[in-house]
Amino acid sequence: MYDMREKRLRDHKWLLKLAIGESIQQGIQQGIELGELVGQIVLLQRQLGLRISTREELLAKEPRELIALISELEPQLRERRIEE
């Protein structure tokens, strides 16, 4: 009986470690994706000669807002390249 309880506790601890590890991995992946969006926006703003948003300004936005901003900036850059 004691052994079964010990095994359950070990299994529970192992499952918690696994869940925490997966959460950390997911957080890292989200951070990388967010960083890529921010970097893309800064690059587009720089290429267009616009005011470059600060990292804090961009990180305060939701990912969907960042994607929308990229969707606004990309056509502007394409138009500028066509004109040149």
PDB file of N, CA and C in Angstrom:
ATOM      1  N   MET A   1       0.819  -1.182   0.000  1.00  0.00           N
ATOM      2  CA  MET A   1       0.000   0.000   0.000  1.00  0.00           C
ATOM      3  C   MET A   1       0.869   1.254   0.000  1.00  0.00           C
ATOM      4  N   TYR A   2       1.913   1.259   0.813  1.00  0.00           N
ATOM      5  CA  TYR A   2       2.816   2.396   0.872  1.00  0.00           C
ATOM      6  C   TYR A   2       3.494   2.590  -0.487  1.00  0.00           C
ATOM      7  N   ASP A   3       3.913   1.494  -1.115  1.00  0.00           N
ATOM      8  CA  ASP A   3       4.575   1.571  -2.412  1.00  0.00           C
ATOM      9  C   ASP A   3       3.656   2.162  -3.482  1.00  0.00           C
ATOM     10  N   MET A   4       2.392   1.796  -3.453  1.00  0.00           N
ATOM     11  CA  MET A   4       1.442   2.314  -4.440  1.00  0.00           C
ATOM     12  C   MET A   4       1.260   3.829  -4.268  1.00  0.00           C
ATOM     13  N   ARG A   5       1.194   4.266  -3.034  1.00  0.00           N
ATOM     14  CA  ARG A   5       1.038   5.694  -2.779  1.00  0.00           C
ATOM     15  C   ARG A   5       2.289   6.446  -3.237  1.00  0.00           C
ATOM     16  N   GLU A   6       3.453   5.910  -2.959  1.00  0.00           N
ATOM     17  CA  GLU A   6       4.711   6.512  -3.408  1.00  0.00           C
ATOM     18  C   GLU A   6       4.759   6.579  -4.934  1.00  0.00           C
ATOM     19  N   LYS A   7       4.337   5.519  -5.594  1.00  0.00           N
ATOM     20  CA  LYS A   7       4.336   5.484  -7.048  1.00  0.00           C
ATOM     21  C   LYS A   7       3.380   6.540  -7.604  1.00  0.00           C
ATOM     22  N   ARG A   8       2.207   6.648  -7.007  1.00  0.00           N
ATOM     23  CA  ARG A   8       1.245   7.669  -7.447  1.00  0.00           C
ATOM     24  C   ARG A   8       1.819   9.069  -7.289  1.00  0.00           C
ATOM     25  N   LEU A   9       2.493   9.319  -6.166  1.00  0.00           N
ATOM     26  CA  LEU A   9       3.108  10.626  -5.947  1.00  0.00           C
ATOM     27  C   LEU A   9       4.198  10.904  -6.980  1.00  0.00           C
ATOM     28  N   ARG A  10       5.037   9.909  -7.246  1.00  0.00           N
ATOM     29  CA  ARG A  10       6.086  10.067  -8.270  1.00  0.00           C
ATOM     30  C   ARG A  10       5.471  10.318  -9.636  1.00  0.00           C
ATOM     31  N   ASP A  11       4.430   9.546  -9.970  1.00  0.00           N
ATOM     32  CA  ASP A  11       3.757   9.735 -11.254  1.00  0.00           C
ATOM     33  C   ASP A  11       3.145  11.126 -11.361  1.00  0.00           C
ATOM     34  N   HIS A  12       2.541  11.574 -10.269  1.00  0.00           N
ATOM     35  CA  HIS A  12       1.925  12.898 -10.257  1.00  0.00           C
ATOM     36  C   HIS A  12       2.987  13.989 -10.457  1.00  0.00           C
ATOM     37  N   LYS A  13       4.100  13.862  -9.753  1.00  0.00           N
ATOM     38  CA  LYS A  13       5.190  14.830  -9.902  1.00  0.00           C
ATOM     39  C   LYS A  13       5.725  14.814 -11.332  1.00  0.00           C
ATOM     40  N   TRP A  14       5.871  13.643 -11.896  1.00  0.00           N
ATOM     41  CA  TRP A  14       6.374  13.522 -13.268  1.00  0.00           C
ATOM     42  C   TRP A  14       5.411  14.193 -14.257  1.00  0.00           C
ATOM     43  N   LEU A  15       4.104  13.969 -14.065  1.00  0.00           N
ATOM     44  CA  LEU A  15       3.116  14.605 -14.939  1.00  0.00           C
ATOM     45  C   LEU A  15       3.139  16.131 -14.801  1.00  0.00           C
ATOM     46  N   LEU A  16       3.310  16.617 -13.587  1.00  0.00           N
ATOM     47  CA  LEU A  16       3.402  18.060 -13.378  1.00  0.00           C
ATOM     48  C   LEU A  16       4.627  18.637 -14.085  1.00  0.00           C
ATOM     49  N   LYS A  17       5.771  17.951 -13.953  1.00  0.00           N
ATOM     50  CA  LYS A  17       6.987  18.410 -14.635  1.00  0.00           C
ATOM     51  C   LYS A  17       6.778  18.440 -16.136  1.00  0.00           C
ATOM     52  N   LEU A  18       6.145  17.417 -16.654  1.00  0.00           N
ATOM     53  CA  LEU A  18       5.883  17.338 -18.089  1.00  0.00           C
ATOM     54  C   LEU A  18       4.980  18.491 -18.534  1.00  0.00           C
ATOM     55  N   ALA A  19       3.927  18.747 -17.779  1.00  0.00           N
ATOM     56  CA  ALA A  19       2.995  19.830 -18.128  1.00  0.00           C
ATOM     57  C   ALA A  19       3.690  21.187 -18.064  1.00  0.00           C
ATOM     58  N   ILE A  20       4.503  21.399 -17.047  1.00  0.00           N
ATOM     59  CA  ILE A  20       5.227  22.664 -16.909  1.00  0.00           C
ATOM     60  C   ILE A  20       6.206  22.819 -18.070  1.00  0.00           C
ATOM     61  N   GLY A  21       6.896  21.750 -18.411  1.00  0.00           N
ATOM     62  CA  GLY A  21       7.836  21.794 -19.529  1.00  0.00           C
ATOM     63  C   GLY A  21       7.144  22.141 -20.836  1.00  0.00           C
ATOM     64  N   GLU A  22       5.984  21.566 -21.074  1.00  0.00           N
ATOM     65  CA  GLU A  22       5.229  21.865 -22.290  1.00  0.00           C
ATOM     66  C   GLU A  22       4.749  23.314 -22.285  1.00  0.00           C
ATOM     67  N   SER A  23       4.337  23.809 -21.129  1.00  0.00           N
ATOM     68  CA  SER A  23       3.899  25.207 -21.027  1.00  0.00           C
ATOM     69  C   SER A  23       5.048  26.151 -21.327  1.00  0.00           C
ATOM     70  N   ILE A  24       6.214  25.839 -20.819  1.00  0.00           N
ATOM     71  CA  ILE A  24       7.386  26.668 -21.070  1.00  0.00           C
ATOM     72  C   ILE A  24       7.724  26.650 -22.554  1.00  0.00           C
ATOM     73  N   GLN A  25       7.697  25.479 -23.156  1.00  0.00           N
ATOM     74  CA  GLN A  25       7.982  25.367 -24.593  1.00  0.00           C
ATOM     75  C   GLN A  25       6.984  26.170 -25.404  1.00  0.00           C
ATOM     76  N   GLN A  26       5.725  26.094 -25.034  1.00  0.00           N
ATOM     77  CA  GLN A  26       4.684  26.844 -25.738  1.00  0.00           C
ATOM     78  C   GLN A  26       4.918  28.345 -25.571  1.00  0.00           C
ATOM     79  N   GLY A  27       5.289  28.771 -24.390  1.00  0.00           N
ATOM     80  CA  GLY A  27       5.577  30.178 -24.145  1.00  0.00           C
ATOM     81  C   GLY A  27       6.773  30.662 -24.956  1.00  0.00           C
ATOM     82  N   ILE A  28       7.792  29.833 -25.042  1.00  0.00           N
ATOM     83  CA  ILE A  28       8.962  30.182 -25.840  1.00  0.00           C
ATOM     84  C   ILE A  28       8.572  30.322 -27.303  1.00  0.00           C
ATOM     85  N   GLN A  29       7.801  29.397 -27.804  1.00  0.00           N
ATOM     86  CA  GLN A  29       7.377  29.436 -29.204  1.00  0.00           C
ATOM     87  C   GLN A  29       6.552  30.694 -29.483  1.00  0.00           C
ATOM     88  N   GLN A  30       5.651  31.031 -28.579  1.00  0.00           N
ATOM     89  CA  GLN A  30       4.840  32.243 -28.753  1.00  0.00           C
ATOM     90  C   GLN A  30       5.718  33.486 -28.737  1.00  0.00           C
ATOM     91  N   GLY A  31       6.725  33.489 -27.871  1.00  0.00           N
ATOM     92  CA  GLY A  31       7.648  34.615 -27.810  1.00  0.00           C
ATOM     93  C   GLY A  31       8.438  34.778 -29.097  1.00  0.00           C
ATOM     94  N   ILE A  32       8.872  33.666 -29.666  1.00  0.00           N
ATOM     95  CA  ILE A  32       9.601  33.704 -30.933  1.00  0.00           C
ATOM     96  C   ILE A  32       8.699  34.253 -32.038  1.00  0.00           C
ATOM     97  N   GLU A  33       7.476  33.756 -32.105  1.00  0.00           N
ATOM     98  CA  GLU A  33       6.543  34.224 -33.136  1.00  0.00           C
ATOM     99  C   GLU A  33       6.249  35.711 -32.978  1.00  0.00           C
ATOM    100  N   LEU A  34       6.074  36.165 -31.751  1.00  0.00           N
ATOM    101  CA  LEU A  34       5.824  37.581 -31.490  1.00  0.00           C
ATOM    102  C   LEU A  34       7.032  38.414 -31.908  1.00  0.00           C
ATOM    103  N   GLY A  35       8.221  37.929 -31.581  1.00  0.00           N
ATOM    104  CA  GLY A  35       9.440  38.623 -31.968  1.00  0.00           C
ATOM    105  C   GLY A  35       9.584  38.737 -33.475  1.00  0.00           C
ATOM    106  N   GLU A  36       9.202  37.687 -34.190  1.00  0.00           N
ATOM    107  CA  GLU A  36       9.260  37.729 -35.651  1.00  0.00           C
ATOM    108  C   GLU A  36       8.300  38.782 -36.203  1.00  0.00           C
ATOM    109  N   LEU A  37       7.107  38.864 -35.647  1.00  0.00           N
ATOM    110  CA  LEU A  37       6.137  39.870 -36.098  1.00  0.00           C
ATOM    111  C   LEU A  37       6.662  41.278 -35.845  1.00  0.00           C
ATOM    112  N   VAL A  38       7.195  41.507 -34.652  1.00  0.00           N
ATOM    113  CA  VAL A  38       7.731  42.821 -34.300  1.00  0.00           C
ATOM    114  C   VAL A  38       8.886  43.173 -35.236  1.00  0.00           C
ATOM    115  N   GLY A  39       9.779  42.237 -35.470  1.00  0.00           N
ATOM    116  CA  GLY A  39      10.907  42.480 -36.363  1.00  0.00           C
ATOM    117  C   GLY A  39      10.463  42.800 -37.779  1.00  0.00           C
ATOM    118  N   GLN A  40       9.460  42.106 -38.246  1.00  0.00           N
ATOM    119  CA  GLN A  40       8.939  42.343 -39.594  1.00  0.00           C
ATOM    120  C   GLN A  40       8.349  43.752 -39.706  1.00  0.00           C
ATOM    121  N   ILE A  41       7.624  44.175 -38.684  1.00  0.00           N
ATOM    122  CA  ILE A  41       7.029  45.512 -38.696  1.00  0.00           C
ATOM    123  C   ILE A  41       8.122  46.580 -38.701  1.00  0.00           C
ATOM    124  N   VAL A  42       9.105  46.418 -37.852  1.00  0.00           N
ATOM    125  CA  VAL A  42      10.194  47.394 -37.784  1.00  0.00           C
ATOM    126  C   VAL A  42      10.914  47.477 -39.126  1.00  0.00           C
ATOM    127  N   LEU A  43      11.166  46.343 -39.747  1.00  0.00           N
ATOM    128  CA  LEU A  43      11.835  46.331 -41.049  1.00  0.00           C
ATOM    129  C   LEU A  43      10.989  47.035 -42.112  1.00  0.00           C
ATOM    130  N   LEU A  44       9.699  46.743 -42.138  1.00  0.00           N
ATOM    131  CA  LEU A  44       8.811  47.402 -43.100  1.00  0.00           C
ATOM    132  C   LEU A  44       8.769  48.904 -42.871  1.00  0.00           C
ATOM    133  N   GLN A  45       8.667  49.313 -41.611  1.00  0.00           N
ATOM    134  CA  GLN A  45       8.639  50.751 -41.307  1.00  0.00           C
ATOM    135  C   GLN A  45       9.946  51.415 -41.748  1.00  0.00           C
ATOM    136  N   ARG A  46      11.056  50.753 -41.498  1.00  0.00           N
ATOM    137  CA  ARG A  46      12.360  51.300 -41.882  1.00  0.00           C
ATOM    138  C   ARG A  46      12.456  51.432 -43.401  1.00  0.00           C
ATOM    139  N   GLN A  47      12.037  50.402 -44.137  1.00  0.00           N
ATOM    140  CA  GLN A  47      12.108  50.436 -45.592  1.00  0.00           C
ATOM    141  C   GLN A  47      11.185  51.486 -46.185  1.00  0.00           C
ATOM    142  N   LEU A  48      10.095  51.763 -45.507  1.00  0.00           N
ATOM    143  CA  LEU A  48       9.147  52.767 -45.994  1.00  0.00           C
ATOM    144  C   LEU A  48       9.502  54.180 -45.537  1.00  0.00           C
ATOM    145  N   GLY A  49      10.504  54.297 -44.684  1.00  0.00           N
ATOM    146  CA  GLY A  49      10.890  55.614 -44.178  1.00  0.00           C
ATOM    147  C   GLY A  49       9.908  56.166 -43.164  1.00  0.00           C
ATOM    148  N   LEU A  50       9.181  55.296 -42.513  1.00  0.00           N
ATOM    149  CA  LEU A  50       8.206  55.718 -41.504  1.00  0.00           C
ATOM    150  C   LEU A  50       8.858  55.784 -40.130  1.00  0.00           C
ATOM    151  N   ARG A  51       8.145  56.401 -39.201  1.00  0.00           N
ATOM    152  CA  ARG A  51       8.600  56.372 -37.806  1.00  0.00           C
ATOM    153  C   ARG A  51       8.602  54.928 -37.343  1.00  0.00           C
ATOM    154  N   ILE A  52       9.678  54.536 -36.729  1.00  0.00           N
ATOM    155  CA  ILE A  52       9.791  53.148 -36.279  1.00  0.00           C
ATOM    156  C   ILE A  52       9.187  53.031 -34.882  1.00  0.00           C
ATOM    157  N   SER A  53       8.218  52.162 -34.759  1.00  0.00           N
ATOM    158  CA  SER A  53       7.562  51.930 -33.466  1.00  0.00           C
ATOM    159  C   SER A  53       8.561  51.350 -32.483  1.00  0.00           C
ATOM    160  N   THR A  54       8.393  51.695 -31.228  1.00  0.00           N
ATOM    161  CA  THR A  54       9.260  51.103 -30.205  1.00  0.00           C
ATOM    162  C   THR A  54       8.807  49.668 -29.937  1.00  0.00           C
ATOM    163  N   ARG A  55       9.702  48.912 -29.402  1.00  0.00           N
ATOM    164  CA  ARG A  55       9.388  47.531 -29.045  1.00  0.00           C
ATOM    165  C   ARG A  55       8.217  47.498 -28.063  1.00  0.00           C
ATOM    166  N   GLU A  56       8.216  48.430 -27.115  1.00  0.00           N
ATOM    167  CA  GLU A  56       7.150  48.479 -26.112  1.00  0.00           C
ATOM    168  C   GLU A  56       5.797  48.747 -26.758  1.00  0.00           C
ATOM    169  N   GLU A  57       5.768  49.663 -27.738  1.00  0.00           N
ATOM    170  CA  GLU A  57       4.517  49.958 -28.432  1.00  0.00           C
ATOM    171  C   GLU A  57       3.979  48.709 -29.128  1.00  0.00           C
ATOM    172  N   LEU A  58       4.880  48.005 -29.790  1.00  0.00           N
ATOM    173  CA  LEU A  58       4.445  46.837 -30.556  1.00  0.00           C
ATOM    174  C   LEU A  58       4.071  45.667 -29.651  1.00  0.00           C
ATOM    175  N   LEU A  59       4.820  45.463 -28.591  1.00  0.00           N
ATOM    176  CA  LEU A  59       4.520  44.345 -27.687  1.00  0.00           C
ATOM    177  C   LEU A  59       3.239  44.569 -26.892  1.00  0.00           C
ATOM    178  N   ALA A  60       2.768  45.809 -26.835  1.00  0.00           N
ATOM    179  CA  ALA A  60       1.511  46.098 -26.137  1.00  0.00           C
ATOM    180  C   ALA A  60       0.304  45.680 -26.976  1.00  0.00           C
ATOM    181  N   LYS A  61       0.543  45.385 -28.252  1.00  0.00           N
ATOM    182  CA  LYS A  61      -0.558  45.011 -29.149  1.00  0.00           C
ATOM    183  C   LYS A  61      -0.763  43.499 -29.154  1.00  0.00           C
ATOM    184  N   GLU A  62      -1.952  43.108 -29.540  1.00  0.00           N
ATOM    185  CA  GLU A  62      -2.280  41.688 -29.705  1.00  0.00           C
ATOM    186  C   GLU A  62      -1.642  41.181 -30.999  1.00  0.00           C
ATOM    187  N   PRO A  63      -1.319  39.900 -31.078  1.00  0.00           N
ATOM    188  CA  PRO A  63      -0.738  39.362 -32.316  1.00  0.00           C
ATOM    189  C   PRO A  63      -1.585  39.660 -33.560  1.00  0.00           C
ATOM    190  N   ARG A  64      -2.903  39.613 -33.434  1.00  0.00           N
ATOM    191  CA  ARG A  64      -3.755  39.884 -34.600  1.00  0.00           C
ATOM    192  C   ARG A  64      -3.615  41.334 -35.051  1.00  0.00           C
ATOM    193  N   GLU A  65      -3.367  42.245 -34.103  1.00  0.00           N
ATOM    194  CA  GLU A  65      -3.144  43.646 -34.458  1.00  0.00           C
ATOM    195  C   GLU A  65      -1.814  43.811 -35.199  1.00  0.00           C
ATOM    196  N   LEU A  66      -0.817  43.073 -34.766  1.00  0.00           N
ATOM    197  CA  LEU A  66       0.485  43.128 -35.435  1.00  0.00           C
ATOM    198  C   LEU A  66       0.375  42.589 -36.859  1.00  0.00           C
ATOM    199  N   ILE A  67      -0.358  41.504 -37.018  1.00  0.00           N
ATOM    200  CA  ILE A  67      -0.556  40.918 -38.344  1.00  0.00           C
ATOM    201  C   ILE A  67      -1.312  41.896 -39.236  1.00  0.00           C
ATOM    202  N   ALA A  68      -2.294  42.590 -38.680  1.00  0.00           N
ATOM    203  CA  ALA A  68      -3.052  43.585 -39.448  1.00  0.00           C
ATOM    204  C   ALA A  68      -2.136  44.732 -39.876  1.00  0.00           C
ATOM    205  N   LEU A  69      -1.248  45.149 -38.998  1.00  0.00           N
ATOM    206  CA  LEU A  69      -0.319  46.226 -39.330  1.00  0.00           C
ATOM    207  C   LEU A  69       0.625  45.795 -40.455  1.00  0.00           C
ATOM    208  N   ILE A  70       1.101  44.577 -40.390  1.00  0.00           N
ATOM    209  CA  ILE A  70       1.947  44.039 -41.466  1.00  0.00           C
ATOM    210  C   ILE A  70       1.163  44.044 -42.771  1.00  0.00           C
ATOM    211  N   SER A  71      -0.103  43.648 -42.704  1.00  0.00           N
ATOM    212  CA  SER A  71      -0.950  43.620 -43.901  1.00  0.00           C
ATOM    213  C   SER A  71      -1.161  45.006 -44.488  1.00  0.00           C
ATOM    214  N   GLU A  72      -1.077  46.046 -43.665  1.00  0.00           N
ATOM    215  CA  GLU A  72      -1.188  47.422 -44.160  1.00  0.00           C
ATOM    216  C   GLU A  72       0.130  47.905 -44.765  1.00  0.00           C
ATOM    217  N   LEU A  73       1.244  47.519 -44.149  1.00  0.00           N
ATOM    218  CA  LEU A  73       2.549  48.023 -44.575  1.00  0.00           C
ATOM    219  C   LEU A  73       3.080  47.338 -45.833  1.00  0.00           C
ATOM    220  N   GLU A  74       2.834  46.046 -45.971  1.00  0.00           N
ATOM    221  CA  GLU A  74       3.373  45.307 -47.128  1.00  0.00           C
ATOM    222  C   GLU A  74       2.915  45.885 -48.469  1.00  0.00           C
ATOM    223  N   PRO A  75       1.624  46.193 -48.651  1.00  0.00           N
ATOM    224  CA  PRO A  75       1.210  46.773 -49.932  1.00  0.00           C
ATOM    225  C   PRO A  75       1.858  48.139 -50.193  1.00  0.00           C
ATOM    226  N   GLN A  76       2.064  48.904 -49.133  1.00  0.00           N
ATOM    227  CA  GLN A  76       2.725  50.202 -49.302  1.00  0.00           C
ATOM    228  C   GLN A  76       4.138  50.021 -49.853  1.00  0.00           C
ATOM    229  N   LEU A  77       4.834  49.021 -49.353  1.00  0.00           N
ATOM    230  CA  LEU A  77       6.193  48.759 -49.821  1.00  0.00           C
ATOM    231  C   LEU A  77       6.175  48.280 -51.272  1.00  0.00           C
ATOM    232  N   ARG A  78       5.210  47.423 -51.609  1.00  0.00           N
ATOM    233  CA  ARG A  78       5.098  46.946 -52.998  1.00  0.00           C
ATOM    234  C   ARG A  78       4.830  48.112 -53.950  1.00  0.00           C
ATOM    235  N   GLU A  79       3.933  49.006 -53.547  1.00  0.00           N
ATOM    236  CA  GLU A  79       3.610  50.171 -54.371  1.00  0.00           C
ATOM    237  C   GLU A  79       4.827  51.049 -54.569  1.00  0.00           C
ATOM    238  N   ARG A  80       5.580  51.254 -53.501  1.00  0.00           N
ATOM    239  CA  ARG A  80       6.774  52.094 -53.580  1.00  0.00           C
ATOM    240  C   ARG A  80       7.795  51.485 -54.541  1.00  0.00           C
ATOM    241  N   ARG A  81       7.949  50.176 -54.493  1.00  0.00           N
ATOM    242  CA  ARG A  81       8.906  49.506 -55.380  1.00  0.00           C
ATOM    243  C   ARG A  81       8.480  49.595 -56.845  1.00  0.00           C
ATOM    244  N   ILE A  82       7.182  49.549 -57.094  1.00  0.00           N
ATOM    245  CA  ILE A  82       6.670  49.655 -58.458  1.00  0.00           C
ATOM    246  C   ILE A  82       6.957  51.062 -58.997  1.00  0.00           C
ATOM    247  N   GLU A  83       6.783  52.073 -58.156  1.00  0.00           N
ATOM    248  CA  GLU A  83       6.987  53.461 -58.567  1.00  0.00           C
ATOM    249  C   GLU A  83       8.452  53.758 -58.878  1.00  0.00           C
ATOM    250  N   GLU A  84       9.358  53.044 -58.244  1.00  0.00           N
ATOM    251  CA  GLU A  84      10.787  53.311 -58.433  1.00  0.00           C
ATOM    252  C   GLU A  84      11.289  52.734 -59.689  1.00  0.00           C
TER     253      GLU A  84
END
